[in-house]
């Protein structure tokens, strides 16, 4: 649903919110309404309409048209030519609409998209658009004249009037062939008309002398337009010089776009980082017709710089390895410029800072441009340098913009490389840590196919790293009786439910059942789950100890002599069955027992004594337990 609404939002923006989009379900409940279009055209608020029935927005007389003419049983586009919607101010607005059924990918629910166009708004917009177009033509730098079949002027724009030195009123009474120096008689006009009626258009170049006496080289483009019985002849007159300059600019722009597209393709398509950066520098250097392009990277906390990439023309020797660890203190001019500006430009040999000359001898520097490279405003990366060893350059603003765009594209590649390196390092650290853990660690895709298992897991389950490519399924390592519980555990995690860690049984390589605790978390990418990590803890030893302790507790309970446990204050905290038979202990013996307990706590040594309980003498042994920090008392009769 989010994708659908995102796509509709893009369509709204493309339509400048002139089209109204509505999304509703089979119960005609509104799921989405164009926010701006609803506000501007119907004066409603989109969030107030969401959840309401579509018929609260439709004129009651037209409600039946929707239920009878629009069907959820067809996937073909459906149309209603006229539909009235209710505005918040009590008025109505007329629309034509197209309706298209589709199915939501997630819920599989049938939905209907209504695309509604305001009929009155179109008329107003068309009128406004015609006014704008007329205004543009009137003030165009190209001379435009529209003639009737009798050569009378129907319309002429301002440029035409200025070149011919006439007014609109004067043109109304003078045939075109009486004011033009090319079509200067009726016969030539008839010949031109005949050609246009046959071929519909005619282009030719000519010289034109304006009313002010200046001569202009023109291209004349004649066109004929027919509407019923009416014929109109239109002449467009464009100075060739201006056109050539425009064509040159367009060609230059298209050429640069092609160069940038080619560079972007190389940077994105190739995996070899050094190759694609060097290739990008080569293309840039050849296009700019310079002799050297270098990339410098900052080092030593941005106090120095080193050349990491270089392209140079074949006739020159490389300089990369001579340009290492140069302190910025030796490049004060470049450093100062790039600290305050996006680039530093030196267009002739006299402008180049003296500090740079020694690094490129025996070659001279006739022109140089340095462009700052930054990951962001706070993290400078270095700079790109363009050098010409033979001639000066007059870099125009368009040249600078082109080079800056190149640098932005290249910088994005360096950012991707940095992020990839960080990801690889993070992945490496994770895997190293996983190998150190004395537990089974696994990763799997969202479908359960395993993508990683540490050595401990491989040994337990009896497979190797190479077996992962065969499509091992994580859930299959669990006992069949527990397999569905593990899948349910995973699905609850996907739903963000809190899961208490539970015990499961796995089957090891020797087909033995091992009790484990399972810890899982979801791997997210771009806010979407793409897999999961799992830590499997073998608790078989713990289970054995628990069983052993249970056995010991059973032995202690059933032993034929009394066993008691007391804290440092002499309070009894545990009695076995035999001790419960002797309880309560006689009051006259309690001070003696507590004194012995205190002595054992202080000395942590054993103490024995004979005491009389219920007229019978018992041998008592007091022992300090360092694990529980309690005193165990054994009474033997």
Foldseek 3Di string as FASTA:
>chain_A
DVVVVVVVLVVCVVVVLQKWKWKAAPQQATQFTPQVVCCVPQVDGTVVRHRHHNVVFWDPVCPVVCVPQPDLPDQDKGWDQWTWTHHPVGDIFIWIWIKGWDADPPPRGIMIMIIIHTPVVVVVVVVVVVVVVVVCQQPPCKWKWKAFLQQQTPDTHPNVCQQQVHDPVVSRPDGPLVRAPPSNDPVSSVVVVVVCVVVQKDKDWDWGQGPVGDIFIWIWIWGWDDDPPTIMIMIIIDGVVVVVVVVVVVVVVVVLVVLLVVLLCLLPPDPPNQVSVQVNQVSVCVVVVAFKKWWWFADDQNQFIATDYMDGDPVADDLRVVRGGGGCVLVVVQVVCVLVDQKDWDFAQVRDDPSCQVSRPPFGFGIKMKGWAAPDPVGTTGIMMTTHRPHGDDQDPVNVVSVVVSSVSVSVSVVVVVVVVVVVVVVVVVLVVQQPDLWWKWKAWPVQQTDDIHPNNCQFAVHDNVCSVVGDGNLVQFDPVCSVVVVVVVVCLVVVHDDDWDWTWGQGNVRDTFIWTKDKHFDDDPNHTTIMMIIIGGCRVVVVVVVVVVVVVVCQQPPQWWKWKAALQQDTDDIHPRRVVQPPFDPVCSVVSNVLQNVCLVVQDKDWDWDAGPNRIWIWIWGQDVVVRIIMIITHD
